[in-house]
Structure formats: structure tokens, C-alpha cells
Amino acid sequence: MLPINSNAPYGVQTYRDLLIMIQAMSEDQLNCTPTVYDGDTDEYYPMTTLLTASDSHQVLDEDHPYLTF
């Protein structure tokens, strides 16, 4: 795996992939605010919430985790 401080893109297909990348972060990176980039607006947003889908969700399966900003 590439060092987490490179500017190379990382492929994240699952939360397990994301966990591996997070575990490779430095202490300083782990203390940063989780941030999401929106390519449509060319803006960065702090992630505010980790939620799980309810059984009434129309797109995701029940209990599927998702991040919001």
C-alpha cells in the first residue's frame, strides 16, 4: 500500500479498505477532522455524522453505514 501521506488516489471499495487506510495514518492525521471532497462544487466539507440506514431507506440496505456532511 502507498504511504498515506502521498497524493496518489486510494481505492476504497469497502469499510474494511477504509479501516486499513485509517490504521496507516500518522497520529497527526488521525487528529484531523474527517473531511469529504465534493467534486461537483470543488469544496471540502467536514464529515459530521456516521449513520446507518433504516429499513425504510429506499436506496441502501437496512443497517448499511453511511457518512454525511
N, C-alpha and C. Protein backbone atom coordinates (compact mmCIF):
# COMPACT_ATOMS: atom_id res chain seq x y z
N MET A 1 0.84 -1.17 0.00
CA MET A 1 0.00 0.00 0.00
C MET A 1 0.88 1.24 0.00
N LEU A 2 0.44 2.29 -0.69
CA LEU A 2 1.17 3.55 -0.72
C LEU A 2 1.13 4.22 0.64
N PRO A 3 2.15 5.02 0.96
CA PRO A 3 2.08 5.75 2.23
C PRO A 3 0.88 6.69 2.22
N ILE A 4 0.24 6.82 3.33
CA ILE A 4 -0.99 7.61 3.42
C ILE A 4 -0.74 9.09 3.18
N ASN A 5 0.53 9.53 3.21
CA ASN A 5 0.81 10.95 3.01
C ASN A 5 1.14 11.28 1.56
N SER A 6 1.01 10.33 0.65
CA SER A 6 1.22 10.64 -0.76
C SER A 6 -0.05 11.27 -1.34
N ASN A 7 0.07 11.89 -2.50
CA ASN A 7 -1.10 12.49 -3.15
C ASN A 7 -1.77 11.52 -4.12
N ALA A 8 -1.34 10.27 -4.12
CA ALA A 8 -1.93 9.27 -5.02
C ALA A 8 -3.34 8.92 -4.55
N PRO A 9 -4.24 8.64 -5.48
CA PRO A 9 -5.59 8.24 -5.06
C PRO A 9 -5.58 6.85 -4.45
N TYR A 10 -6.50 6.62 -3.57
CA TYR A 10 -6.64 5.32 -2.90
C TYR A 10 -7.97 4.71 -3.30
N GLY A 11 -7.97 3.42 -3.56
CA GLY A 11 -9.21 2.73 -3.89
C GLY A 11 -9.88 2.22 -2.64
N VAL A 12 -11.09 2.66 -2.39
CA VAL A 12 -11.86 2.20 -1.23
C VAL A 12 -13.13 1.55 -1.76
N GLN A 13 -13.21 0.26 -1.61
CA GLN A 13 -14.39 -0.47 -2.06
C GLN A 13 -15.28 -0.88 -0.89
N THR A 14 -14.68 -0.98 0.30
CA THR A 14 -15.43 -1.42 1.48
C THR A 14 -14.97 -0.62 2.70
N TYR A 15 -15.74 -0.69 3.77
CA TYR A 15 -15.31 -0.08 5.01
C TYR A 15 -14.05 -0.75 5.54
N ARG A 16 -13.84 -2.03 5.23
CA ARG A 16 -12.61 -2.72 5.62
C ARG A 16 -11.41 -2.05 4.94
N ASP A 17 -11.53 -1.71 3.64
CA ASP A 17 -10.46 -0.99 2.95
C ASP A 17 -10.18 0.34 3.63
N LEU A 18 -11.25 1.05 3.98
CA LEU A 18 -11.11 2.34 4.65
C LEU A 18 -10.41 2.17 6.00
N LEU A 19 -10.76 1.14 6.75
CA LEU A 19 -10.15 0.88 8.04
C LEU A 19 -8.64 0.66 7.89
N ILE A 20 -8.24 -0.10 6.90
CA ILE A 20 -6.81 -0.36 6.67
C ILE A 20 -6.09 0.95 6.40
N MET A 21 -6.69 1.82 5.61
CA MET A 21 -6.06 3.11 5.32
C MET A 21 -6.00 3.99 6.56
N ILE A 22 -7.06 3.99 7.34
CA ILE A 22 -7.07 4.78 8.56
C ILE A 22 -6.01 4.27 9.54
N GLN A 23 -5.85 2.98 9.63
CA GLN A 23 -4.85 2.40 10.53
C GLN A 23 -3.42 2.76 10.10
N ALA A 24 -3.23 3.13 8.83
CA ALA A 24 -1.91 3.50 8.33
C ALA A 24 -1.62 5.00 8.51
N MET A 25 -2.58 5.76 9.01
CA MET A 25 -2.40 7.20 9.18
C MET A 25 -1.47 7.51 10.36
N SER A 26 -0.83 8.66 10.27
CA SER A 26 0.01 9.14 11.37
C SER A 26 -0.90 9.65 12.50
N GLU A 27 -0.31 9.88 13.67
CA GLU A 27 -1.07 10.44 14.79
C GLU A 27 -1.66 11.80 14.43
N ASP A 28 -0.88 12.63 13.73
CA ASP A 28 -1.38 13.94 13.32
C ASP A 28 -2.58 13.81 12.39
N GLN A 29 -2.51 12.87 11.44
CA GLN A 29 -3.63 12.67 10.52
C GLN A 29 -4.86 12.16 11.26
N LEU A 30 -4.66 11.29 12.23
CA LEU A 30 -5.79 10.76 13.00
C LEU A 30 -6.47 11.84 13.82
N ASN A 31 -5.76 12.91 14.14
CA ASN A 31 -6.34 14.01 14.91
C ASN A 31 -7.02 15.05 14.02
N CYS A 32 -6.97 14.88 12.71
CA CYS A 32 -7.63 15.80 11.78
C CYS A 32 -9.14 15.54 11.74
N THR A 33 -9.89 16.55 11.35
CA THR A 33 -11.32 16.40 11.15
C THR A 33 -11.57 15.56 9.90
N PRO A 34 -12.38 14.50 9.98
CA PRO A 34 -12.71 13.75 8.76
C PRO A 34 -13.37 14.70 7.75
N THR A 35 -12.86 14.68 6.52
CA THR A 35 -13.27 15.65 5.52
C THR A 35 -13.62 14.95 4.22
N VAL A 36 -14.68 15.43 3.57
CA VAL A 36 -15.14 14.86 2.30
C VAL A 36 -14.99 15.92 1.22
N TYR A 37 -14.48 15.51 0.05
CA TYR A 37 -14.36 16.41 -1.09
C TYR A 37 -15.54 16.21 -2.02
N ASP A 38 -16.21 17.30 -2.40
CA ASP A 38 -17.31 17.27 -3.35
C ASP A 38 -16.79 17.81 -4.67
N GLY A 39 -16.54 16.92 -5.62
CA GLY A 39 -16.00 17.31 -6.92
C GLY A 39 -16.94 18.18 -7.73
N ASP A 40 -18.24 18.07 -7.49
CA ASP A 40 -19.20 18.90 -8.22
C ASP A 40 -19.08 20.37 -7.86
N THR A 41 -18.76 20.64 -6.60
CA THR A 41 -18.65 22.03 -6.16
C THR A 41 -17.21 22.46 -5.92
N ASP A 42 -16.26 21.52 -6.03
CA ASP A 42 -14.85 21.78 -5.75
C ASP A 42 -14.67 22.33 -4.34
N GLU A 43 -15.41 21.74 -3.38
CA GLU A 43 -15.37 22.17 -1.99
C GLU A 43 -15.08 20.99 -1.07
N TYR A 44 -14.51 21.29 0.07
CA TYR A 44 -14.26 20.30 1.12
C TYR A 44 -15.24 20.54 2.25
N TYR A 45 -15.80 19.45 2.80
CA TYR A 45 -16.77 19.56 3.88
C TYR A 45 -16.36 18.63 5.02
N PRO A 46 -16.49 19.12 6.27
CA PRO A 46 -16.21 18.22 7.40
C PRO A 46 -17.32 17.18 7.50
N MET A 47 -16.92 15.93 7.72
CA MET A 47 -17.91 14.89 7.94
C MET A 47 -18.51 15.13 9.31
N THR A 48 -19.81 15.11 9.39
CA THR A 48 -20.45 15.43 10.66
C THR A 48 -21.06 14.23 11.36
N THR A 49 -21.46 13.21 10.61
CA THR A 49 -22.21 12.12 11.23
C THR A 49 -21.95 10.80 10.52
N LEU A 50 -21.91 9.72 11.30
CA LEU A 50 -21.91 8.36 10.77
C LEU A 50 -23.26 7.77 11.14
N LEU A 51 -24.04 7.41 10.14
CA LEU A 51 -25.39 6.89 10.34
C LEU A 51 -25.51 5.48 9.76
N THR A 52 -26.61 4.82 10.08
CA THR A 52 -26.94 3.55 9.43
C THR A 52 -28.35 3.67 8.88
N ALA A 53 -28.55 3.07 7.72
CA ALA A 53 -29.84 3.15 7.04
C ALA A 53 -30.90 2.36 7.82
N SER A 54 -32.10 2.90 7.81
CA SER A 54 -33.23 2.21 8.44
C SER A 54 -33.87 1.27 7.42
N ASP A 55 -34.81 0.50 7.88
CA ASP A 55 -35.49 -0.44 6.97
C ASP A 55 -36.38 0.29 5.96
N SER A 56 -36.65 1.56 6.18
CA SER A 56 -37.48 2.32 5.24
C SER A 56 -36.65 3.07 4.19
N HIS A 57 -35.33 2.93 4.25
CA HIS A 57 -34.46 3.62 3.29
C HIS A 57 -34.70 3.04 1.90
N GLN A 58 -34.81 3.91 0.90
CA GLN A 58 -35.16 3.47 -0.45
C GLN A 58 -33.98 3.00 -1.28
N VAL A 59 -32.75 3.34 -0.87
CA VAL A 59 -31.58 3.02 -1.70
C VAL A 59 -30.66 2.01 -1.04
N LEU A 60 -30.38 2.20 0.24
CA LEU A 60 -29.43 1.34 0.95
C LEU A 60 -30.15 0.24 1.71
N ASP A 61 -29.44 -0.87 1.90
CA ASP A 61 -29.97 -1.95 2.73
C ASP A 61 -30.02 -1.49 4.19
N GLU A 62 -30.91 -2.08 4.97
CA GLU A 62 -31.01 -1.78 6.38
C GLU A 62 -29.66 -2.01 7.07
N ASP A 63 -29.27 -1.09 7.95
CA ASP A 63 -28.03 -1.13 8.73
C ASP A 63 -26.78 -0.82 7.91
N HIS A 64 -26.94 -0.44 6.64
CA HIS A 64 -25.78 -0.04 5.83
C HIS A 64 -25.25 1.30 6.38
N PRO A 65 -23.96 1.36 6.76
CA PRO A 65 -23.43 2.62 7.29
C PRO A 65 -23.19 3.64 6.17
N TYR A 66 -23.37 4.91 6.49
CA TYR A 66 -23.05 5.97 5.53
C TYR A 66 -22.63 7.23 6.28
N LEU A 67 -21.85 8.06 5.61
CA LEU A 67 -21.29 9.27 6.17
C LEU A 67 -22.05 10.48 5.63
N THR A 68 -22.22 11.49 6.47
CA THR A 68 -22.89 12.71 6.00
C THR A 68 -22.02 13.92 6.29
N PHE A 69 -22.27 14.98 5.54
CA PHE A 69 -21.59 16.25 5.79
C PHE A 69 -22.59 17.37 5.67
